[in-house]
Amino acid sequence: MTRMKLTFPVLALLLALVACNKRQTVVRDTIPYVKQLVVDTTGTFPLIGSYRSAGTKGSIAVIGEPEAAARLASALLEADEVDNIDGKAVPDRLPDFAGETFDILMDLYNAPYLRMAASSPDSLREVAVRNAVIAVDTVAYSNALDAHSRLTKTRAKVFVLSNSLLSEYGKFDIDTLFKMAGREALILTPVEAMLQAAEKAGFKRIAVWAPPEARSAYENTAKIVTPDLDVTVVSTTGNGLLRPAFRDMLRIYRSLKPGTNLDAVLLDSFTADVEELDAEKEHIHRQITEEDMAFDRILMPHFRFIEPTASLTDALYRLLREKNLFTHDIAYPSVRYYQTEENRDGEFVPVEVSAAYLSAHTNSVNPAPYVPDID
């Protein structure tokens, strides 16, 4: 077999050409790890070329930090928002993702991503690519330290990244790698899903309530995906109480965008209690104080909170329908949980864990009362 060789000047040109978007062209270089995979055609690169070879039988890989990935998985498994026959927004008492296989890749080894994004963004980009490769592979383990404990897992057909930072640090590199292998990677992120939900609702002015490290993810993605949206990223200091934090967010927004109304707030959190936030919005609407009246003038009558779980659920359903990737099997969705652990070679690998283990070691199966994670 003839070994494919690509010189780095040619490779750099190709990588720039594939980073094209329908709305805006972005010239951006990928990380060395991707370049390494592309020129090595004896290992991982052929695996990437086999992406979607399983067709509709491939899995939906949910990738991210353990808590967010598990919470999102729970919502996807229970979702019943549409009629499975015609796709209309009417529950039909049948899971929206009936017959689908979910592989939940909880990246315990590399969490938390905020720390990595602040100290070494390229390392986070590489982590995202490595997790995507794991999702496409068919190998998992029952014990990270035992190379003979190999298990067989399903190849992914769709990637759902459950962390906003991966929109900025990783999605581009995953997309680039797969395009170099002649494949279109189907990738969903909470950033794109929520921005598109706001645009679909006809909104014009939105605030994103997110930590400072996620600012560029939303601002850069909005320029490409929803350029007509007026997006303002607002960060608050966590004080342990959600309602006062929301008021702090509104104060900051008023200072950044004086005299500007607000259609929606995007929540960069899988644990935010939207019902509590809606209750505070109604309290503001009663205009008990002068500040309430000032806030009420900002919030449009149709104002609402947009959170990542519902946005990603809707985006995943529409993607599977658009690409004709539903299995159409009449069965409940199946799920397997994996967490990344270090093996004897110092690399992180997927280790299968049971739902019982997950319930005992996280708050994801039976979530505890909301603790703010928007700092």
Protein backbone atom coordinates (compact mmCIF):
# COMPACT_ATOMS: atom_id res chain seq x y z
CA MET A 1 0.00 0.00 0.00
CA THR A 2 1.37 3.40 -0.97
CA ARG A 3 1.89 5.67 2.03
CA MET A 4 0.29 9.11 1.58
CA LYS A 5 2.70 11.98 2.23
CA LEU A 6 1.70 15.59 2.81
CA THR A 7 4.26 18.33 3.22
CA PHE A 8 3.38 20.82 5.94
CA PRO A 9 3.01 23.83 3.55
CA VAL A 10 0.47 21.83 1.53
CA LEU A 11 -1.19 20.59 4.72
CA ALA A 12 -1.49 24.12 6.09
CA LEU A 13 -3.16 25.26 2.85
CA LEU A 14 -5.63 22.36 2.96
CA LEU A 15 -6.46 23.02 6.60
CA ALA A 16 -7.22 26.66 5.81
CA LEU A 17 -9.45 25.67 2.88
CA VAL A 18 -11.59 23.29 4.93
CA ALA A 19 -12.26 25.86 7.64
CA CYS A 20 -15.00 27.46 5.58
CA ASN A 21 -18.48 28.39 6.74
CA LYS A 22 -21.49 29.28 4.63
CA ARG A 23 -21.84 32.64 6.34
CA GLN A 24 -18.24 33.55 6.97
CA THR A 25 -14.82 32.18 6.05
CA VAL A 26 -12.47 31.68 8.99
CA VAL A 27 -8.74 31.22 8.43
CA ARG A 28 -7.43 29.37 11.46
CA ASP A 29 -4.65 26.87 12.02
CA THR A 30 -5.30 23.56 13.68
CA ILE A 31 -3.29 22.02 16.50
CA PRO A 32 -0.14 19.90 15.96
CA TYR A 33 -1.95 16.76 17.14
CA VAL A 34 -4.36 16.94 14.20
CA LYS A 35 -1.50 17.45 11.75
CA GLN A 36 0.23 14.44 13.28
CA LEU A 37 -2.85 12.27 12.77
CA VAL A 38 -3.33 13.40 9.18
CA VAL A 39 0.18 12.48 8.02
CA ASP A 40 0.13 9.12 9.83
CA THR A 41 -2.09 6.98 7.64
CA THR A 42 -1.30 3.72 9.46
CA GLY A 43 -3.10 4.46 12.73
CA THR A 44 -5.93 6.76 13.72
CA PHE A 45 -6.50 8.49 10.38
CA PRO A 46 -8.06 5.40 8.69
CA LEU A 47 -10.32 5.09 11.74
CA ILE A 48 -11.58 8.62 11.10
CA GLY A 49 -12.18 7.64 7.49
CA SER A 50 -14.56 4.91 8.69
CA TYR A 51 -16.78 7.49 10.44
CA ARG A 52 -20.52 6.86 9.87
CA SER A 53 -19.75 3.47 8.34
CA ALA A 54 -22.31 2.06 10.78
CA GLY A 55 -24.97 4.26 9.18
CA THR A 56 -28.08 4.80 11.26
CA LYS A 57 -26.90 2.16 13.76
CA GLY A 58 -24.13 4.38 15.06
CA SER A 59 -24.36 5.90 18.51
CA ILE A 60 -24.97 9.44 19.71
CA ALA A 61 -21.85 10.35 21.68
CA VAL A 62 -22.37 12.88 24.47
CA ILE A 63 -18.94 14.22 25.44
CA GLY A 64 -17.88 16.50 28.27
CA GLU A 65 -17.32 16.94 31.98
CA PRO A 66 -19.08 14.23 34.02
CA GLU A 67 -21.91 16.23 35.61
CA ALA A 68 -22.96 18.10 32.47
CA ALA A 69 -22.69 15.04 30.21
CA ALA A 70 -24.73 12.86 32.56
CA ARG A 71 -27.43 15.50 33.13
CA LEU A 72 -27.77 16.08 29.39
CA ALA A 73 -27.93 12.34 28.78
CA SER A 74 -30.76 11.97 31.29
CA ALA A 75 -32.77 14.67 29.52
CA LEU A 76 -32.16 13.19 26.07
CA LEU A 77 -33.25 9.73 27.18
CA GLU A 78 -36.51 11.07 28.65
CA ALA A 79 -37.33 13.62 25.93
CA ASP A 80 -40.85 13.52 24.50
CA GLU A 81 -41.42 16.88 22.84
CA VAL A 82 -42.42 15.85 19.31
CA ASP A 83 -44.58 13.42 17.39
CA ASN A 84 -42.17 10.78 16.08
CA ILE A 85 -44.20 10.28 12.91
CA ASP A 86 -44.41 13.80 11.48
CA GLY A 87 -41.99 15.72 13.72
CA LYS A 88 -44.62 18.18 14.96
CA ALA A 89 -44.09 19.72 18.38
CA VAL A 90 -46.65 17.47 20.09
CA PRO A 91 -45.69 14.80 22.67
CA ASP A 92 -46.79 11.29 21.65
CA ARG A 93 -45.81 9.28 24.77
CA LEU A 94 -42.95 7.74 22.78
CA PRO A 95 -39.36 8.82 23.50
CA ASP A 96 -38.14 11.24 20.85
CA PHE A 97 -34.97 9.20 20.47
CA ALA A 98 -36.62 5.79 20.50
CA GLY A 99 -34.29 3.03 19.35
CA GLU A 100 -31.18 5.22 19.55
CA THR A 101 -27.96 4.24 21.29
CA PHE A 102 -26.31 6.83 23.52
CA ASP A 103 -22.67 6.59 24.55
CA ILE A 104 -21.98 9.04 27.39
CA LEU A 105 -18.28 9.87 27.53
CA MET A 106 -17.71 11.58 30.88
CA ASP A 107 -14.26 13.12 30.77
CA LEU A 108 -13.31 12.68 34.41
CA TYR A 109 -9.58 12.59 33.66
CA ASN A 110 -9.39 16.07 32.09
CA ALA A 111 -12.07 17.95 34.06
CA PRO A 112 -12.47 20.75 34.92
CA TYR A 113 -12.20 22.35 31.48
CA LEU A 114 -12.24 25.93 32.82
CA ARG A 115 -8.83 25.42 34.38
CA MET A 116 -7.38 23.95 31.20
CA ALA A 117 -8.87 26.68 29.00
CA ALA A 118 -7.25 29.32 31.17
CA SER A 119 -3.82 27.70 31.40
CA SER A 120 -3.43 25.76 28.14
CA PRO A 121 -6.17 26.25 25.49
CA ASP A 122 -4.36 24.08 22.92
CA SER A 123 -4.32 21.21 25.42
CA LEU A 124 -8.11 21.45 25.69
CA ARG A 125 -8.36 21.42 21.90
CA GLU A 126 -6.31 18.22 21.83
CA VAL A 127 -8.49 16.69 24.56
CA ALA A 128 -11.58 17.39 22.46
CA VAL A 129 -10.05 15.67 19.43
CA ARG A 130 -8.90 12.67 21.46
CA ASN A 131 -12.40 12.26 22.89
CA ALA A 132 -13.89 12.41 19.40
CA VAL A 133 -11.47 9.67 18.30
CA ILE A 134 -12.53 7.58 21.32
CA ALA A 135 -16.18 8.08 20.33
CA VAL A 136 -15.54 6.83 16.78
CA ASP A 137 -13.48 3.87 17.94
CA THR A 138 -15.04 0.57 18.97
CA VAL A 139 -12.72 -0.05 21.92
CA ALA A 140 -13.45 0.57 25.59
CA TYR A 141 -12.23 -1.06 28.81
CA SER A 142 -13.60 -2.44 32.05
CA ASN A 143 -10.30 -1.57 33.77
CA ALA A 144 -7.98 1.20 32.58
CA LEU A 145 -4.91 -0.58 34.01
CA ASP A 146 -5.65 -3.91 32.31
CA ALA A 147 -5.09 -3.85 28.55
CA HIS A 148 -6.79 -7.25 28.29
CA SER A 149 -10.10 -5.93 29.69
CA ARG A 150 -11.17 -4.64 26.29
CA LEU A 151 -14.84 -4.16 25.54
CA THR A 152 -16.65 -3.42 22.30
CA LYS A 153 -18.51 -0.14 21.99
CA THR A 154 -20.58 1.38 19.17
CA ARG A 155 -19.08 3.83 16.68
CA ALA A 156 -20.49 7.34 17.02
CA LYS A 157 -22.58 8.88 14.24
CA VAL A 158 -23.13 12.22 16.00
CA PHE A 159 -21.06 14.15 18.56
CA VAL A 160 -22.84 16.23 21.20
CA LEU A 161 -20.31 18.38 23.06
CA SER A 162 -21.78 19.27 26.44
CA ASN A 163 -19.44 22.14 27.30
CA SER A 164 -19.45 25.63 25.77
CA LEU A 165 -15.65 25.86 25.92
CA LEU A 166 -15.39 23.04 23.38
CA SER A 167 -17.11 25.28 20.83
CA GLU A 168 -14.01 27.46 20.91
CA TYR A 169 -11.40 24.90 21.90
CA GLY A 170 -11.93 21.69 19.96
CA LYS A 171 -14.89 21.78 17.57
CA PHE A 172 -12.85 23.40 14.81
CA ASP A 173 -10.08 20.81 15.19
CA ILE A 174 -12.47 17.86 15.20
CA ASP A 175 -14.17 19.25 12.09
CA THR A 176 -10.81 19.83 10.38
CA LEU A 177 -9.56 16.31 11.09
CA PHE A 178 -12.69 14.69 9.72
CA LYS A 179 -12.76 16.88 6.62
CA MET A 180 -9.17 15.91 5.87
CA ALA A 181 -10.38 12.29 5.94
CA GLY A 182 -13.20 13.17 3.52
CA ARG A 183 -15.91 13.02 6.18
CA GLU A 184 -18.42 15.55 7.51
CA ALA A 185 -18.40 15.40 11.30
CA LEU A 186 -21.85 16.00 12.74
CA ILE A 187 -21.12 18.07 15.85
CA LEU A 188 -23.55 19.84 18.16
CA THR A 189 -22.53 22.32 20.85
CA PRO A 190 -24.58 24.18 23.46
CA VAL A 191 -23.29 27.51 22.12
CA GLU A 192 -24.57 27.01 18.58
CA ALA A 193 -27.76 25.29 19.75
CA MET A 194 -28.76 28.17 22.06
CA LEU A 195 -27.78 30.92 19.60
CA GLN A 196 -29.79 29.23 16.85
CA ALA A 197 -32.74 28.77 19.23
CA ALA A 198 -32.69 32.53 19.88
CA GLU A 199 -32.51 33.30 16.18
CA LYS A 200 -35.29 30.82 15.40
CA ALA A 201 -37.50 32.61 17.96
CA GLY A 202 -36.98 35.87 16.08
CA PHE A 203 -34.98 37.49 18.86
CA LYS A 204 -32.54 40.33 18.12
CA ARG A 205 -30.88 41.28 21.41
CA ILE A 206 -29.68 38.63 23.83
CA ALA A 207 -27.42 38.37 26.84
CA VAL A 208 -25.30 35.31 27.51
CA TRP A 209 -24.81 34.59 31.21
CA ALA A 210 -21.48 32.78 31.22
CA PRO A 211 -18.07 32.71 32.91
CA PRO A 212 -15.36 34.97 31.42
CA GLU A 213 -13.51 31.97 29.97
CA ALA A 214 -16.51 31.23 27.71
CA ARG A 215 -16.83 34.78 26.34
CA SER A 216 -14.86 34.17 23.14
CA ALA A 217 -16.79 30.93 22.45
CA TYR A 218 -20.08 32.81 22.26
CA GLU A 219 -18.78 35.96 20.58
CA ASN A 220 -16.81 34.13 17.87
CA THR A 221 -19.54 31.56 17.21
CA ALA A 222 -22.22 34.26 16.97
CA LYS A 223 -20.21 36.12 14.31
CA ILE A 224 -20.28 33.00 12.15
CA VAL A 225 -23.56 31.25 12.97
CA THR A 226 -25.94 34.09 13.93
CA PRO A 227 -24.33 37.34 12.71
CA ASP A 228 -27.59 39.29 12.95
CA LEU A 229 -27.93 38.68 16.70
CA ASP A 230 -26.80 41.42 19.07
CA VAL A 231 -24.95 39.26 21.63
CA THR A 232 -23.61 40.55 24.95
CA VAL A 233 -21.75 38.16 27.26
CA VAL A 234 -22.21 38.96 30.95
CA SER A 235 -20.27 37.37 33.80
CA THR A 236 -21.17 37.64 37.48
CA THR A 237 -19.40 36.62 40.66
CA GLY A 238 -21.00 33.57 42.26
CA ASN A 239 -22.58 34.28 45.64
CA GLY A 240 -24.47 31.01 46.07
CA LEU A 241 -27.89 32.57 45.48
CA LEU A 242 -29.47 32.47 42.05
CA ARG A 243 -31.98 35.33 42.22
CA PRO A 244 -29.53 37.99 43.45
CA ALA A 245 -27.05 36.78 40.84
CA PHE A 246 -29.67 37.32 38.10
CA ARG A 247 -30.17 40.89 39.33
CA ASP A 248 -26.39 41.40 39.27
CA MET A 249 -26.42 40.16 35.67
CA LEU A 250 -29.12 42.70 34.74
CA ARG A 251 -27.18 45.53 36.43
CA ILE A 252 -24.09 44.67 34.41
CA TYR A 253 -26.10 44.41 31.20
CA ARG A 254 -27.62 47.88 31.81
CA SER A 255 -24.13 49.32 32.26
CA LEU A 256 -22.84 47.64 29.10
CA LYS A 257 -25.92 48.33 26.92
CA PRO A 258 -27.71 51.38 28.37
CA GLY A 259 -31.19 51.91 26.99
CA THR A 260 -31.20 48.53 25.21
CA ASN A 261 -34.02 46.03 25.61
CA LEU A 262 -33.43 42.34 26.11
CA ASP A 263 -35.21 39.49 24.31
CA ALA A 264 -33.60 36.54 26.08
CA VAL A 265 -30.83 35.36 28.38
CA LEU A 266 -28.82 32.31 27.35
CA LEU A 267 -27.74 30.25 30.36
CA ASP A 268 -24.30 28.70 30.16
CA SER A 269 -25.28 26.05 32.69
CA PHE A 270 -26.84 22.59 32.74
CA THR A 271 -27.86 23.01 36.39
CA ALA A 272 -29.59 26.40 36.33
CA ASP A 273 -33.06 26.32 37.87
CA VAL A 274 -35.11 28.02 35.14
CA GLU A 275 -38.30 27.90 37.23
CA GLU A 276 -36.62 29.91 39.96
CA LEU A 277 -35.34 32.42 37.42
CA ASP A 278 -38.83 32.74 35.91
CA ALA A 279 -40.18 33.40 39.40
CA GLU A 280 -37.69 36.23 39.85
CA LYS A 281 -38.65 37.63 36.46
CA GLU A 282 -42.31 37.70 37.57
CA HIS A 283 -41.29 39.38 40.82
CA ILE A 284 -39.53 42.10 38.80
CA HIS A 285 -42.60 42.49 36.61
CA ARG A 286 -44.66 43.41 39.69
CA GLN A 287 -42.46 46.53 39.97
CA ILE A 288 -42.27 46.74 43.74
CA THR A 289 -39.08 48.84 43.77
CA GLU A 290 -37.55 51.46 41.49
CA GLU A 291 -34.94 48.93 40.43
CA ASP A 292 -37.72 46.47 39.55
CA MET A 293 -39.23 49.12 37.28
CA ALA A 294 -35.85 49.77 35.65
CA PHE A 295 -35.30 46.04 35.05
CA ASP A 296 -38.86 45.58 33.77
CA ARG A 297 -38.23 48.24 31.12
CA ILE A 298 -35.28 46.18 29.88
CA LEU A 299 -37.10 42.83 29.64
CA MET A 300 -39.30 42.57 26.57
CA PRO A 301 -42.83 41.11 27.04
CA HIS A 302 -41.75 37.95 25.24
CA PHE A 303 -38.50 37.67 27.26
CA ARG A 304 -37.41 34.17 28.21
CA PHE A 305 -34.46 32.13 29.37
CA ILE A 306 -32.82 29.76 26.90
CA GLU A 307 -30.94 26.84 28.44
CA PRO A 308 -28.64 24.28 26.82
CA THR A 309 -30.53 21.06 27.55
CA ALA A 310 -33.72 21.93 25.65
CA SER A 311 -31.72 23.64 22.89
CA LEU A 312 -29.47 20.61 22.32
CA THR A 313 -32.43 18.21 22.49
CA ASP A 314 -34.19 20.16 19.74
CA ALA A 315 -31.01 20.52 17.69
CA LEU A 316 -30.25 16.78 17.91
CA TYR A 317 -33.76 15.78 16.87
CA ARG A 318 -33.68 18.14 13.88
CA LEU A 319 -30.21 16.96 12.84
CA LEU A 320 -31.14 13.26 12.91
CA ARG A 321 -34.30 13.99 10.96
CA GLU A 322 -32.53 16.20 8.41
CA LYS A 323 -29.72 13.67 7.82
CA ASN A 324 -32.12 10.68 7.93
CA LEU A 325 -30.06 9.11 10.71
CA PHE A 326 -32.84 7.86 12.99
CA THR A 327 -32.72 4.08 13.51
CA HIS A 328 -36.54 3.87 13.33
CA ASP A 329 -36.37 0.96 15.76
CA ILE A 330 -39.37 0.65 18.07
CA ALA A 331 -37.56 0.45 21.38
CA TYR A 332 -36.54 2.56 24.32
CA PRO A 333 -33.23 4.39 23.90
CA SER A 334 -30.24 2.44 25.18
CA VAL A 335 -27.32 4.03 27.00
CA ARG A 336 -23.83 3.17 28.12
CA TYR A 337 -21.72 5.36 30.38
CA TYR A 338 -17.95 5.67 30.08
CA GLN A 339 -15.51 7.75 32.06
CA THR A 340 -11.95 8.60 31.07
CA GLU A 341 -9.20 7.15 33.27
CA GLU A 342 -5.43 6.92 32.97
CA ASN A 343 -3.91 3.68 31.67
CA ARG A 344 -0.41 2.30 32.27
CA ASP A 345 0.96 4.35 29.35
CA GLY A 346 -0.19 7.62 30.90
CA GLU A 347 -2.99 8.09 28.34
CA PHE A 348 -6.69 8.49 29.09
CA VAL A 349 -9.01 5.74 27.88
CA PRO A 350 -12.77 5.09 28.14
CA VAL A 351 -13.81 2.81 31.02
CA GLU A 352 -17.40 1.59 31.12
CA VAL A 353 -19.30 2.38 34.33
CA SER A 354 -22.81 1.35 35.24
CA ALA A 355 -25.76 3.63 35.94
CA ALA A 356 -25.68 2.35 39.54
CA TYR A 357 -22.08 3.49 39.91
CA LEU A 358 -22.97 6.84 38.35
CA SER A 359 -25.83 7.33 40.80
CA ALA A 360 -23.57 6.57 43.75
CA HIS A 361 -20.74 8.85 42.68
CA THR A 362 -22.48 11.89 41.16
CA ASN A 363 -25.67 13.91 41.57
CA SER A 364 -26.60 13.28 37.95
CA VAL A 365 -29.14 10.50 38.17
CA ASN A 366 -30.96 12.10 41.11
CA PRO A 367 -29.89 15.76 40.91
CA ALA A 368 -29.40 17.65 44.14
CA PRO A 369 -30.92 21.12 44.59
CA TYR A 370 -29.39 23.68 42.29
CA VAL A 371 -25.98 25.07 43.18
CA PRO A 372 -24.99 27.95 40.84
CA ASP A 373 -22.11 27.17 38.53
CA ILE A 374 -22.21 30.48 36.66
CA ASP A 375 -19.28 32.38 38.10
